[in-house]
C-alpha atoms as a PDB file:
ATOM      1  CA  MET A   1       0.722   1.877  48.787  1.00  0.00           C
ATOM      2  CA  ASN A   2       1.568  -0.320  51.740  1.00  0.00           C
ATOM      3  CA  GLU A   3       3.916  -3.289  51.555  1.00  0.00           C
ATOM      4  CA  GLN A   4       1.127  -5.858  51.704  1.00  0.00           C
ATOM      5  CA  ALA A   5      -0.728  -4.275  48.777  1.00  0.00           C
ATOM      6  CA  ALA A   6       2.502  -4.070  46.786  1.00  0.00           C
ATOM      7  CA  THR A   7       3.161  -7.751  47.426  1.00  0.00           C
ATOM      8  CA  ARG A   8      -0.336  -8.662  46.206  1.00  0.00           C
ATOM      9  CA  ILE A   9       0.194  -6.687  42.999  1.00  0.00           C
ATOM     10  CA  GLU A  10       3.575  -8.301  42.410  1.00  0.00           C
ATOM     11  CA  ARG A  11       2.092 -11.761  43.022  1.00  0.00           C
ATOM     12  CA  LYS A  12      -0.736 -11.050  40.590  1.00  0.00           C
ATOM     13  CA  GLU A  13       1.727  -9.864  37.941  1.00  0.00           C
ATOM     14  CA  ARG A  14       3.828 -13.004  38.409  1.00  0.00           C
ATOM     15  CA  THR A  15       0.766 -15.206  37.983  1.00  0.00           C
ATOM     16  CA  ARG A  16      -0.363 -13.291  34.908  1.00  0.00           C
ATOM     17  CA  GLN A  17       3.092 -13.681  33.394  1.00  0.00           C
ATOM     18  CA  ALA A  18       3.064 -17.385  34.257  1.00  0.00           C
ATOM     19  CA  LEU A  19      -0.231 -17.717  32.352  1.00  0.00           C
ATOM     20  CA  VAL A  20       1.295 -15.960  29.348  1.00  0.00           C
ATOM     21  CA  ASP A  21       4.472 -18.059  29.456  1.00  0.00           C
ATOM     22  CA  GLY A  22       2.519 -21.278  29.897  1.00  0.00           C
ATOM     23  CA  THR A  23       0.243 -20.416  26.986  1.00  0.00           C
ATOM     24  CA  LEU A  24       3.182 -19.690  24.683  1.00  0.00           C
ATOM     25  CA  ALA A  25       4.829 -22.993  25.607  1.00  0.00           C
ATOM     26  CA  LEU A  26       1.635 -24.998  25.107  1.00  0.00           C
ATOM     27  CA  ALA A  27       0.699 -23.182  21.877  1.00  0.00           C
ATOM     28  CA  ALA A  28       4.129 -23.979  20.435  1.00  0.00           C
ATOM     29  CA  GLU A  29       3.232 -27.662  20.710  1.00  0.00           C
ATOM     30  CA  ARG A  30      -0.390 -27.718  19.521  1.00  0.00           C
ATOM     31  CA  GLY A  31      -1.557 -24.262  18.552  1.00  0.00           C
ATOM     32  CA  PHE A  32      -3.629 -21.816  20.560  1.00  0.00           C
ATOM     33  CA  ALA A  33      -6.998 -23.046  19.277  1.00  0.00           C
ATOM     34  CA  ALA A  34      -6.365 -26.521  20.743  1.00  0.00           C
ATOM     35  CA  LEU A  35      -5.709 -25.261  24.276  1.00  0.00           C
ATOM     36  CA  SER A  36      -8.174 -25.373  27.150  1.00  0.00           C
ATOM     37  CA  LEU A  37      -8.533 -22.878  29.957  1.00  0.00           C
ATOM     38  CA  ARG A  38      -7.971 -25.693  32.445  1.00  0.00           C
ATOM     39  CA  GLU A  39      -4.549 -26.704  31.108  1.00  0.00           C
ATOM     40  CA  ILE A  40      -3.426 -23.086  30.779  1.00  0.00           C
ATOM     41  CA  ALA A  41      -4.383 -22.481  34.416  1.00  0.00           C
ATOM     42  CA  ARG A  42      -2.576 -25.662  35.433  1.00  0.00           C
ATOM     43  CA  SER A  43       0.587 -24.503  33.632  1.00  0.00           C
ATOM     44  CA  ALA A  44       0.611 -21.428  35.893  1.00  0.00           C
ATOM     45  CA  GLY A  45      -0.128 -23.410  39.041  1.00  0.00           C
ATOM     46  CA  ILE A  46      -3.594 -21.979  39.660  1.00  0.00           C
ATOM     47  CA  VAL A  47      -7.136 -23.357  39.632  1.00  0.00           C
ATOM     48  CA  PRO A  48      -9.258 -22.633  36.542  1.00  0.00           C
ATOM     49  CA  THR A  49     -11.552 -20.157  38.323  1.00  0.00           C
ATOM     50  CA  ALA A  50      -8.507 -18.041  39.261  1.00  0.00           C
ATOM     51  CA  PHE A  51      -7.799 -17.549  35.557  1.00  0.00           C
ATOM     52  CA  TYR A  52     -10.607 -14.987  35.426  1.00  0.00           C
ATOM     53  CA  ARG A  53      -8.781 -12.698  37.837  1.00  0.00           C
ATOM     54  CA  HIS A  54      -6.316 -12.050  35.027  1.00  0.00           C
ATOM     55  CA  PHE A  55      -8.202 -12.479  31.732  1.00  0.00           C
ATOM     56  CA  THR A  56     -11.901 -12.397  30.921  1.00  0.00           C
ATOM     57  CA  SER A  57     -11.636 -15.332  28.496  1.00  0.00           C
ATOM     58  CA  LEU A  58      -9.250 -17.319  26.317  1.00  0.00           C
ATOM     59  CA  ASP A  59      -9.984 -14.841  23.526  1.00  0.00           C
ATOM     60  CA  ASP A  60      -8.881 -12.028  25.840  1.00  0.00           C
ATOM     61  CA  LEU A  61      -5.652 -13.895  26.573  1.00  0.00           C
ATOM     62  CA  GLY A  62      -5.045 -14.444  22.863  1.00  0.00           C
ATOM     63  CA  ALA A  63      -5.700 -10.781  22.104  1.00  0.00           C
ATOM     64  CA  THR A  64      -3.237  -9.804  24.846  1.00  0.00           C
ATOM     65  CA  LEU A  65      -0.552 -11.987  23.279  1.00  0.00           C
ATOM     66  CA  VAL A  66      -1.212 -10.505  19.846  1.00  0.00           C
ATOM     67  CA  ASP A  67      -1.048  -6.989  21.242  1.00  0.00           C
ATOM     68  CA  SER A  68       2.206  -7.692  23.085  1.00  0.00           C
ATOM     69  CA  GLY A  69       3.799  -9.295  20.038  1.00  0.00           C
ATOM     70  CA  VAL A  70       2.743  -6.649  17.553  1.00  0.00           C
ATOM     71  CA  THR A  71       3.820  -3.862  19.916  1.00  0.00           C
ATOM     72  CA  ALA A  72       7.246  -5.481  20.143  1.00  0.00           C
ATOM     73  CA  LEU A  73       7.339  -5.827  16.356  1.00  0.00           C
ATOM     74  CA  ARG A  74       6.271  -2.221  15.889  1.00  0.00           C
ATOM     75  CA  LEU A  75       9.104  -1.015  18.122  1.00  0.00           C
ATOM     76  CA  ALA A  76      11.564  -3.226  16.282  1.00  0.00           C
ATOM     77  CA  LEU A  77      10.420  -2.046  12.856  1.00  0.00           C
ATOM     78  CA  ARG A  78      10.662   1.585  13.895  1.00  0.00           C
ATOM     79  CA  GLU A  79      14.351   1.622  13.032  1.00  0.00           C
ATOM     80  CA  VAL A  80      13.637   0.333   9.539  1.00  0.00           C
ATOM     81  CA  ARG A  81      10.770   2.787   9.152  1.00  0.00           C
ATOM     82  CA  ARG A  82      12.959   5.732  10.062  1.00  0.00           C
ATOM     83  CA  SER A  83      15.561   4.906   7.457  1.00  0.00           C
ATOM     84  CA  PRO A  84      14.211   2.974   4.464  1.00  0.00           C
ATOM     85  CA  ASN A  85      17.155   3.847   2.187  1.00  0.00           C
ATOM     86  CA  ALA A  86      20.087   4.290   4.599  1.00  0.00           C
ATOM     87  CA  GLY A  87      21.679   2.356   7.418  1.00  0.00           C
ATOM     88  CA  VAL A  88      19.906  -0.826   6.364  1.00  0.00           C
ATOM     89  CA  ALA A  89      22.382  -3.211   7.985  1.00  0.00           C
ATOM     90  CA  GLY A  90      22.129  -1.605  11.413  1.00  0.00           C
ATOM     91  CA  SER A  91      18.346  -1.328  11.195  1.00  0.00           C
ATOM     92  CA  VAL A  92      17.811  -4.961  10.267  1.00  0.00           C
ATOM     93  CA  ARG A  93      20.223  -6.159  12.938  1.00  0.00           C
ATOM     94  CA  PHE A  94      18.266  -4.113  15.470  1.00  0.00           C
ATOM     95  CA  VAL A  95      15.065  -5.923  14.477  1.00  0.00           C
ATOM     96  CA  PHE A  96      16.579  -9.337  15.083  1.00  0.00           C
ATOM     97  CA  GLU A  97      18.147  -8.193  18.347  1.00  0.00           C
ATOM     98  CA  GLN A  98      14.617  -7.434  19.557  1.00  0.00           C
ATOM     99  CA  VAL A  99      13.320 -10.764  18.298  1.00  0.00           C
ATOM    100  CA  ASP A 100      15.940 -12.934  19.985  1.00  0.00           C
ATOM    101  CA  PRO A 101      14.796 -12.537  23.639  1.00  0.00           C
ATOM    102  CA  LYS A 102      11.118 -12.840  22.595  1.00  0.00           C
ATOM    103  CA  ARG A 103      11.354 -15.872  20.340  1.00  0.00           C
ATOM    104  CA  ASP A 104       8.348 -17.632  21.931  1.00  0.00           C
ATOM    105  CA  LEU A 105       6.148 -14.565  21.467  1.00  0.00           C
ATOM    106  CA  PHE A 106       7.180 -13.952  17.859  1.00  0.00           C
ATOM    107  CA  GLY A 107       6.840 -17.665  17.133  1.00  0.00           C
ATOM    108  CA  PHE A 108       3.279 -17.487  18.437  1.00  0.00           C
ATOM    109  CA  LEU A 109       2.497 -14.561  16.091  1.00  0.00           C
ATOM    110  CA  ILE A 110       3.990 -16.244  13.038  1.00  0.00           C
ATOM    111  CA  ARG A 111       2.214 -19.560  13.635  1.00  0.00           C
ATOM    112  CA  GLU A 112      -1.153 -18.067  14.564  1.00  0.00           C
ATOM    113  CA  ARG A 113      -1.072 -15.661  11.626  1.00  0.00           C
ATOM    114  CA  HIS A 114      -1.172 -18.571   9.184  1.00  0.00           C
ATOM    115  CA  GLY A 115      -2.639 -21.489  11.077  1.00  0.00           C
ATOM    116  CA  GLY A 116      -4.445 -20.226  14.146  1.00  0.00           C
ATOM    117  CA  SER A 117      -8.054 -19.427  14.875  1.00  0.00           C
ATOM    118  CA  ALA A 118      -9.880 -17.098  12.503  1.00  0.00           C
ATOM    119  CA  ALA A 119     -10.168 -14.449  15.232  1.00  0.00           C
ATOM    120  CA  LEU A 120      -6.434 -14.460  15.935  1.00  0.00           C
ATOM    121  CA  ARG A 121      -5.534 -14.458  12.233  1.00  0.00           C
ATOM    122  CA  GLN A 122      -7.733 -11.434  11.703  1.00  0.00           C
ATOM    123  CA  ALA A 123      -6.330  -9.635  14.755  1.00  0.00           C
ATOM    124  CA  ILE A 124      -2.725 -10.235  13.696  1.00  0.00           C
ATOM    125  CA  ASN A 125      -3.299  -9.218  10.075  1.00  0.00           C
ATOM    126  CA  THR A 126      -5.195  -6.107  11.155  1.00  0.00           C
ATOM    127  CA  GLU A 127      -2.308  -5.062  13.389  1.00  0.00           C
ATOM    128  CA  LEU A 128       0.235  -5.714  10.626  1.00  0.00           C
ATOM    129  CA  GLN A 129      -1.802  -3.553   8.271  1.00  0.00           C
ATOM    130  CA  LEU A 130      -1.633  -0.767  10.851  1.00  0.00           C
ATOM    131  CA  ILE A 131       2.165  -1.091  10.805  1.00  0.00           C
ATOM    132  CA  VAL A 132       2.083  -0.847   6.994  1.00  0.00           C
ATOM    133  CA  ARG A 133       0.009   2.331   7.258  1.00  0.00           C
ATOM    134  CA  GLU A 134       2.456   3.813   9.744  1.00  0.00           C
ATOM    135  CA  LEU A 135       5.274   3.071   7.334  1.00  0.00           C
ATOM    136  CA  VAL A 136       3.319   4.651   4.466  1.00  0.00           C
ATOM    137  CA  ALA A 137       2.982   7.821   6.568  1.00  0.00           C
ATOM    138  CA  ASP A 138       6.728   7.848   7.237  1.00  0.00           C
ATOM    139  CA  LEU A 139       7.628   7.250   3.586  1.00  0.00           C
ATOM    140  CA  SER A 140       5.314  10.067   2.493  1.00  0.00           C
ATOM    141  CA  ARG A 141       7.456  12.519   4.489  1.00  0.00           C
ATOM    142  CA  ILE A 142      10.611  11.683   2.507  1.00  0.00           C
ATOM    143  CA  PRO A 143      11.207  14.495  -0.053  1.00  0.00           C
ATOM    144  CA  ALA A 144      12.533  12.090  -2.695  1.00  0.00           C
ATOM    145  CA  LEU A 145       9.191  10.271  -2.625  1.00  0.00           C
ATOM    146  CA  ASP A 146       6.983  13.355  -3.001  1.00  0.00           C
ATOM    147  CA  ALA A 147       5.786  12.254  -6.436  1.00  0.00           C
ATOM    148  CA  TRP A 148       4.767   8.795  -5.261  1.00  0.00           C
ATOM    149  CA  SER A 149       1.099   7.933  -5.117  1.00  0.00           C
ATOM    150  CA  PRO A 150      -0.430   6.448  -1.962  1.00  0.00           C
ATOM    151  CA  ARG A 151      -0.705   3.143  -3.851  1.00  0.00           C
ATOM    152  CA  ASP A 152       3.026   3.074  -4.659  1.00  0.00           C
ATOM    153  CA  LEU A 153       3.911   3.983  -1.080  1.00  0.00           C
ATOM    154  CA  GLU A 154       1.689   1.178   0.207  1.00  0.00           C
ATOM    155  CA  ILE A 155       3.324  -1.339  -2.140  1.00  0.00           C
ATOM    156  CA  ALA A 156       6.783  -0.353  -0.865  1.00  0.00           C
ATOM    157  CA  ALA A 157       5.659  -0.422   2.779  1.00  0.00           C
ATOM    158  CA  ASP A 158       4.004  -3.798   2.346  1.00  0.00           C
ATOM    159  CA  LEU A 159       7.200  -5.185   0.798  1.00  0.00           C
ATOM    160  CA  ILE A 160       9.349  -3.964   3.689  1.00  0.00           C
ATOM    161  CA  VAL A 161       7.016  -5.283   6.392  1.00  0.00           C
ATOM    162  CA  GLY A 162       6.561  -8.560   4.511  1.00  0.00           C
ATOM    163  CA  ILE A 163      10.312  -9.095   4.133  1.00  0.00           C
ATOM    164  CA  VAL A 164      10.956  -8.413   7.803  1.00  0.00           C
ATOM    165  CA  THR A 165       8.130 -10.627   9.082  1.00  0.00           C
ATOM    166  CA  HIS A 166       9.183 -13.447   6.740  1.00  0.00           C
ATOM    167  CA  GLY A 167      12.757 -13.100   7.987  1.00  0.00           C
ATOM    168  CA  ILE A 168      11.579 -13.275  11.587  1.00  0.00           C
ATOM    169  CA  GLY A 169       9.622 -16.450  10.859  1.00  0.00           C
ATOM    170  CA  ALA A 170      12.659 -18.101   9.298  1.00  0.00           C
ATOM    171  CA  TYR A 171      14.982 -16.896  12.047  1.00  0.00           C
ATOM    172  CA  ILE A 172      13.045 -18.247  15.012  1.00  0.00           C
ATOM    173  CA  THR A 173      12.713 -21.732  13.504  1.00  0.00           C
ATOM    174  CA  ALA A 174      16.253 -22.027  12.128  1.00  0.00           C
ATOM    175  CA  PRO A 175      19.195 -23.773  13.804  1.00  0.00           C
ATOM    176  CA  ALA A 176      21.663 -21.363  15.410  1.00  0.00           C
ATOM    177  CA  ARG A 177      24.227 -21.992  12.660  1.00  0.00           C
ATOM    178  CA  GLU A 178      21.813 -20.660  10.011  1.00  0.00           C
ATOM    179  CA  GLN A 179      20.567 -17.556  11.803  1.00  0.00           C
ATOM    180  CA  LYS A 180      23.315 -15.202  10.636  1.00  0.00           C
ATOM    181  CA  ALA A 181      22.634 -16.152   7.021  1.00  0.00           C
ATOM    182  CA  ILE A 182      18.931 -15.326   7.510  1.00  0.00           C
ATOM    183  CA  VAL A 183      19.774 -11.897   8.946  1.00  0.00           C
ATOM    184  CA  ASP A 184      22.189 -11.246   6.059  1.00  0.00           C
ATOM    185  CA  ARG A 185      19.587 -12.321   3.499  1.00  0.00           C
ATOM    186  CA  THR A 186      16.958 -10.058   5.048  1.00  0.00           C
ATOM    187  CA  MET A 187      19.408  -7.154   4.877  1.00  0.00           C
ATOM    188  CA  GLN A 188      20.043  -7.824   1.195  1.00  0.00           C
ATOM    189  CA  GLN A 189      16.323  -7.985   0.454  1.00  0.00           C
ATOM    190  CA  ILE A 190      15.675  -4.653   2.199  1.00  0.00           C
ATOM    191  CA  ARG A 191      18.624  -3.125   0.317  1.00  0.00           C
ATOM    192  CA  LEU A 192      17.125  -4.271  -2.976  1.00  0.00           C
ATOM    193  CA  VAL A 193      13.812  -2.647  -2.091  1.00  0.00           C
ATOM    194  CA  ALA A 194      15.611   0.574  -1.109  1.00  0.00           C
ATOM    195  CA  LEU A 195      17.579   0.601  -4.375  1.00  0.00           C
ATOM    196  CA  GLY A 196      14.429  -0.048  -6.343  1.00  0.00           C
ATOM    197  CA  MET A 197      12.670   2.809  -4.570  1.00  0.00           C
ATOM    198  CA  GLY A 198      15.502   5.111  -5.650  1.00  0.00           C
ATOM    199  CA  VAL A 199      14.909   4.503  -9.369  1.00  0.00           C
ATOM    200  CA  TRP A 200      11.176   3.781  -9.358  1.00  0.00           C
ATOM    201  CA  LYS A 201       9.146   5.997 -11.677  1.00  0.00           C
ATOM    202  CA  PRO A 202       5.670   6.502 -10.204  1.00  0.00           C
ATOM    203  CA  GLU A 203       2.738   5.956 -12.530  1.00  0.00           C
ATOM    204  CA  GLN A 204       1.400   9.207 -13.920  1.00  0.00           C
END
């Protein structure tokens, strides 16, 4: 690849990122459904027709944001998934360490999950259910949980994912002085789930 081609690619990536950043900033004020293609393009310093060089539509842009956010969440939750009953403190801290530099993106996910367009709500909830299923698969490999039914495993997985996502939502909207308390509370909640899993008697 010659230098000119490399420069074009870098410029395109910068513009694409500017569109993403501008969308997150605007959506934080009014929600994604209220945004227009024109104002998103303007936030990135391009004309509206140039938007289509990067995304096929606003729905495509929204789906990209959901995918980026859920991928980041999946990577963050991996530590919790690997160790549901040990090393809880370190695992939960790791999650929030991943959240901190991506607060705008996680804020977008949390808001759009509950108050966004129907398409985005469905996309986010579908992706979260995939994370729950991944956690169910991981839990099923733990010898101590061999007797658990798929239903019990799903309940436990849903609890863990729900606690973490709720904690993220509280964390990104809280004043800095309250953030440590939110992390500590999330740790305690995960510990309670882990303790409960240790004494749970699966239905026969």
